[in-house]
C-alpha atoms as a PDB file:
ATOM      1  CA  MET A   1    -130.541-231.432 -21.358  1.00  0.00           C
ATOM      2  CA  THR A   2    -127.233-230.081 -22.620  1.00  0.00           C
ATOM      3  CA  SER A   3    -125.090-232.908 -23.991  1.00  0.00           C
ATOM      4  CA  PHE A   4    -121.484-232.170 -24.878  1.00  0.00           C
ATOM      5  CA  THR A   5    -119.304-233.378 -27.707  1.00  0.00           C
ATOM      6  CA  ARG A   6    -115.531-233.119 -27.378  1.00  0.00           C
ATOM      7  CA  GLU A   7    -115.574-229.955 -29.479  1.00  0.00           C
ATOM      8  CA  SER A   8    -118.406-228.298 -27.550  1.00  0.00           C
ATOM      9  CA  ALA A   9    -116.819-229.241 -24.200  1.00  0.00           C
ATOM     10  CA  LEU A  10    -113.477-227.734 -25.310  1.00  0.00           C
ATOM     11  CA  GLU A  11    -115.291-224.588 -26.426  1.00  0.00           C
ATOM     12  CA  ARG A  12    -117.170-224.328 -23.114  1.00  0.00           C
ATOM     13  CA  VAL A  13    -113.931-224.656 -21.133  1.00  0.00           C
ATOM     14  CA  ARG A  14    -112.245-221.916 -23.180  1.00  0.00           C
ATOM     15  CA  LEU A  15    -115.273-219.623 -22.828  1.00  0.00           C
ATOM     16  CA  ALA A  16    -115.180-220.113 -19.053  1.00  0.00           C
ATOM     17  CA  GLU A  17    -111.430-219.430 -18.962  1.00  0.00           C
ATOM     18  CA  ASP A  18    -111.887-216.269 -21.031  1.00  0.00           C
ATOM     19  CA  ALA A  19    -114.674-215.006 -18.776  1.00  0.00           C
ATOM     20  CA  TRP A  20    -112.646-215.612 -15.592  1.00  0.00           C
ATOM     21  CA  ASN A  21    -109.576-213.940 -17.124  1.00  0.00           C
ATOM     22  CA  SER A  22    -111.692-210.831 -17.724  1.00  0.00           C
ATOM     23  CA  ARG A  23    -111.900-210.505 -13.916  1.00  0.00           C
ATOM     24  CA  ASP A  24    -115.389-209.067 -14.448  1.00  0.00           C
ATOM     25  CA  PRO A  25    -117.708-210.665 -11.839  1.00  0.00           C
ATOM     26  CA  GLU A  26    -120.883-209.671 -13.726  1.00  0.00           C
ATOM     27  CA  ARG A  27    -119.631-211.199 -16.982  1.00  0.00           C
ATOM     28  CA  VAL A  28    -118.593-214.414 -15.252  1.00  0.00           C
ATOM     29  CA  SER A  29    -121.922-214.708 -13.404  1.00  0.00           C
ATOM     30  CA  ARG A  30    -123.893-214.736 -16.683  1.00  0.00           C
ATOM     31  CA  GLY A  31    -122.524-218.224 -17.454  1.00  0.00           C
ATOM     32  CA  TYR A  32    -124.256-219.629 -14.372  1.00  0.00           C
ATOM     33  CA  SER A  33    -127.923-220.323 -13.714  1.00  0.00           C
ATOM     34  CA  LEU A  34    -129.805-217.860 -11.513  1.00  0.00           C
ATOM     35  CA  ASP A  35    -129.770-220.397  -8.667  1.00  0.00           C
ATOM     36  CA  SER A  36    -126.343-221.900  -9.402  1.00  0.00           C
ATOM     37  CA  ARG A  37    -124.664-223.586  -6.436  1.00  0.00           C
ATOM     38  CA  TRP A  38    -120.918-223.575  -5.866  1.00  0.00           C
ATOM     39  CA  ARG A  39    -118.495-225.174  -3.507  1.00  0.00           C
ATOM     40  CA  ASN A  40    -115.232-223.280  -3.803  1.00  0.00           C
ATOM     41  CA  ARG A  41    -112.683-224.611  -1.326  1.00  0.00           C
ATOM     42  CA  ALA A  42    -114.672-224.408   1.942  1.00  0.00           C
ATOM     43  CA  GLU A  43    -117.011-221.626   0.807  1.00  0.00           C
ATOM     44  CA  PHE A  44    -120.547-222.275  -0.442  1.00  0.00           C
ATOM     45  CA  VAL A  45    -122.178-219.826  -2.850  1.00  0.00           C
ATOM     46  CA  THR A  46    -125.743-219.837  -4.182  1.00  0.00           C
ATOM     47  CA  GLY A  47    -127.092-217.666  -6.985  1.00  0.00           C
ATOM     48  CA  ARG A  48    -125.663-214.999  -9.260  1.00  0.00           C
ATOM     49  CA  ALA A  49    -125.662-212.212  -6.655  1.00  0.00           C
ATOM     50  CA  GLU A  50    -123.493-214.316  -4.318  1.00  0.00           C
ATOM     51  CA  ILE A  51    -121.263-215.288  -7.266  1.00  0.00           C
ATOM     52  CA  VAL A  52    -120.683-211.597  -8.039  1.00  0.00           C
ATOM     53  CA  ASP A  53    -119.931-210.857  -4.355  1.00  0.00           C
ATOM     54  CA  PHE A  54    -117.572-213.851  -4.121  1.00  0.00           C
ATOM     55  CA  LEU A  55    -115.651-212.926  -7.288  1.00  0.00           C
ATOM     56  CA  THR A  56    -115.451-209.252  -6.316  1.00  0.00           C
ATOM     57  CA  ARG A  57    -113.808-210.233  -3.013  1.00  0.00           C
ATOM     58  CA  LYS A  58    -111.582-212.769  -4.773  1.00  0.00           C
ATOM     59  CA  TRP A  59    -110.166-210.327  -7.307  1.00  0.00           C
ATOM     60  CA  HIS A  60    -109.611-207.619  -4.685  1.00  0.00           C
ATOM     61  CA  ARG A  61    -107.131-209.920  -2.948  1.00  0.00           C
ATOM     62  CA  GLU A  62    -105.855-212.010  -5.903  1.00  0.00           C
ATOM     63  CA  LEU A  63    -104.045-209.378  -7.962  1.00  0.00           C
ATOM     64  CA  GLU A  64    -102.821-209.787 -11.566  1.00  0.00           C
ATOM     65  CA  TYR A  65    -104.886-212.982 -11.800  1.00  0.00           C
ATOM     66  CA  ARG A  66    -104.235-215.158 -14.870  1.00  0.00           C
ATOM     67  CA  LEU A  67    -105.899-218.558 -15.368  1.00  0.00           C
ATOM     68  CA  ILE A  68    -105.598-221.567 -17.650  1.00  0.00           C
ATOM     69  CA  LYS A  69    -108.303-224.259 -17.709  1.00  0.00           C
ATOM     70  CA  GLU A  70    -107.974-227.622 -19.437  1.00  0.00           C
ATOM     71  CA  LEU A  71    -110.659-230.159 -20.258  1.00  0.00           C
ATOM     72  CA  TRP A  72    -110.223-233.337 -18.233  1.00  0.00           C
ATOM     73  CA  ALA A  73    -113.391-235.292 -19.062  1.00  0.00           C
ATOM     74  CA  PHE A  74    -117.017-234.861 -20.117  1.00  0.00           C
ATOM     75  CA  THR A  75    -120.207-236.855 -20.357  1.00  0.00           C
ATOM     76  CA  GLY A  76    -123.804-235.791 -20.939  1.00  0.00           C
ATOM     77  CA  ASN A  77    -124.281-232.467 -19.169  1.00  0.00           C
ATOM     78  CA  HIS A  78    -121.104-232.728 -17.034  1.00  0.00           C
ATOM     79  CA  ILE A  79    -117.597-231.398 -17.630  1.00  0.00           C
ATOM     80  CA  ALA A  80    -114.524-231.914 -15.456  1.00  0.00           C
ATOM     81  CA  VAL A  81    -111.614-229.494 -15.772  1.00  0.00           C
ATOM     82  CA  ARG A  82    -108.248-229.001 -14.185  1.00  0.00           C
ATOM     83  CA  PHE A  83    -106.804-225.537 -13.877  1.00  0.00           C
ATOM     84  CA  ALA A  84    -103.977-223.452 -12.551  1.00  0.00           C
ATOM     85  CA  TYR A  85    -103.881-219.730 -11.977  1.00  0.00           C
ATOM     86  CA  GLU A  86    -101.254-217.260 -10.876  1.00  0.00           C
ATOM     87  CA  CYS A  87    -101.746-214.117  -8.835  1.00  0.00           C
ATOM     88  CA  HIS A  88    -100.167-212.162  -6.037  1.00  0.00           C
ATOM     89  CA  ASP A  89    -101.470-210.674  -2.816  1.00  0.00           C
ATOM     90  CA  ASP A  90    -101.115-207.061  -1.676  1.00  0.00           C
ATOM     91  CA  SER A  91     -97.728-207.844  -0.085  1.00  0.00           C
ATOM     92  CA  GLY A  92     -96.349-208.965  -3.470  1.00  0.00           C
ATOM     93  CA  GLN A  93     -96.291-212.712  -2.656  1.00  0.00           C
ATOM     94  CA  TRP A  94     -96.996-214.724  -5.800  1.00  0.00           C
ATOM     95  CA  TYR A  95     -99.033-217.939  -5.817  1.00  0.00           C
ATOM     96  CA  ARG A  96     -99.848-220.655  -8.271  1.00  0.00           C
ATOM     97  CA  SER A  97    -103.159-222.243  -7.388  1.00  0.00           C
ATOM     98  CA  TYR A  98    -103.962-225.686  -8.779  1.00  0.00           C
ATOM     99  CA  GLY A  99    -107.314-227.352  -8.833  1.00  0.00           C
ATOM    100  CA  ASN A 100    -110.094-229.388 -10.324  1.00  0.00           C
ATOM    101  CA  GLU A 101    -113.666-228.407 -11.012  1.00  0.00           C
ATOM    102  CA  GLN A 102    -116.741-230.504 -11.658  1.00  0.00           C
ATOM    103  CA  TRP A 103    -119.447-228.730 -13.637  1.00  0.00           C
ATOM    104  CA  GLU A 104    -123.101-229.634 -14.201  1.00  0.00           C
ATOM    105  CA  PHE A 105    -125.216-227.746 -16.734  1.00  0.00           C
ATOM    106  CA  ASP A 106    -128.962-227.156 -16.821  1.00  0.00           C
ATOM    107  CA  ASP A 107    -131.308-227.484 -19.809  1.00  0.00           C
ATOM    108  CA  ASP A 108    -130.502-223.894 -20.880  1.00  0.00           C
ATOM    109  CA  GLY A 109    -126.774-224.642 -21.071  1.00  0.00           C
ATOM    110  CA  LEU A 110    -125.976-222.607 -17.946  1.00  0.00           C
ATOM    111  CA  MET A 111    -123.786-224.013 -15.210  1.00  0.00           C
ATOM    112  CA  ALA A 112    -126.038-225.077 -12.343  1.00  0.00           C
ATOM    113  CA  HIS A 113    -123.373-226.642 -10.099  1.00  0.00           C
ATOM    114  CA  ARG A 114    -119.657-225.924  -9.710  1.00  0.00           C
ATOM    115  CA  HIS A 115    -117.518-227.892  -7.258  1.00  0.00           C
ATOM    116  CA  ALA A 116    -113.916-226.665  -6.969  1.00  0.00           C
ATOM    117  CA  SER A 117    -111.008-228.139  -5.050  1.00  0.00           C
ATOM    118  CA  ILE A 118    -107.986-225.828  -4.959  1.00  0.00           C
ATOM    119  CA  ASN A 119    -104.474-225.841  -3.476  1.00  0.00           C
ATOM    120  CA  ASP A 120    -102.233-222.766  -3.263  1.00  0.00           C
ATOM    121  CA  LEU A 121     -98.475-222.892  -3.740  1.00  0.00           C
ATOM    122  CA  PRO A 122     -96.385-219.814  -2.858  1.00  0.00           C
ATOM    123  CA  ILE A 123     -93.939-219.143  -5.705  1.00  0.00           C
ATOM    124  CA  GLU A 124     -91.212-216.630  -6.434  1.00  0.00           C
ATOM    125  CA  GLU A 125     -91.995-214.056  -9.099  1.00  0.00           C
ATOM    126  CA  SER A 126     -89.201-215.647 -11.184  1.00  0.00           C
ATOM    127  CA  GLU A 127     -91.156-218.961 -11.161  1.00  0.00           C
ATOM    128  CA  ARG A 128     -94.190-217.475 -12.894  1.00  0.00           C
ATOM    129  CA  LYS A 129     -95.222-219.146 -16.144  1.00  0.00           C
ATOM    130  CA  TYR A 130     -98.063-216.823 -17.195  1.00  0.00           C
ATOM    131  CA  HIS A 131     -96.796-213.567 -18.680  1.00  0.00           C
ATOM    132  CA  TRP A 132     -99.479-212.474 -21.135  1.00  0.00           C
ATOM    133  CA  PRO A 133    -101.108-209.056 -20.671  1.00  0.00           C
ATOM    134  CA  LEU A 134    -104.076-209.145 -18.286  1.00  0.00           C
ATOM    135  CA  GLY A 135    -107.181-210.467 -20.001  1.00  0.00           C
ATOM    136  CA  ARG A 136    -107.725-213.341 -22.425  1.00  0.00           C
ATOM    137  CA  ARG A 137    -104.890-215.853 -22.755  1.00  0.00           C
ATOM    138  CA  PRO A 138    -103.465-215.587 -26.290  1.00  0.00           C
ATOM    139  CA  ASP A 139    -104.308-218.525 -28.546  1.00  0.00           C
ATOM    140  CA  ASP A 140    -100.622-219.305 -29.051  1.00  0.00           C
ATOM    141  CA  HIS A 141     -99.816-219.366 -25.299  1.00  0.00           C
ATOM    142  CA  PRO A 142     -99.062-222.893 -24.024  1.00  0.00           C
ATOM    143  CA  GLY A 143    -101.717-224.690 -22.001  1.00  0.00           C
ATOM    144  CA  LEU A 144    -101.275-226.604 -18.754  1.00  0.00           C
ATOM    145  CA  THR A 145     -99.956-229.803 -20.316  1.00  0.00           C
ATOM    146  CA  ASP A 146     -97.509-227.898 -22.530  1.00  0.00           C
ATOM    147  CA  LEU A 147     -96.222-226.027 -19.460  1.00  0.00           C
ATOM    148  CA  GLY A 148     -95.720-229.243 -17.522  1.00  0.00           C
ATOM    149  CA  LEU A 149     -98.423-228.347 -15.017  1.00  0.00           C
END
């Protein structure tokens, strides 16, 4: 069984954030077990193929997606994170989406379960807080707590 220390949990959260900020569904899916199960809002996803399909649809409608994840808690093979991401739809409406995820890892260190609760807040473009170029968040960019989120 994977058992996390504070350092390894922080590293795992940053690796997940980096993968999601790549907006590459195949890359993201490799962090999950072959039979991984998700609850994302009201949608249920099982297995890597469904993860790739889900993320492909997601990033076709959530444009200029940028995400920050922050470790909330960990124990044994479980990690809890809070996150916020910003994106806009094809009409140009910006959103900040806030949420929490509960992760469970298998013996190979792959995420076997992901439960996400997410709320969307329409924002004006002038209210955006994430301005780094698309891709990995720079190491010196503030995190959620530093941004008051």
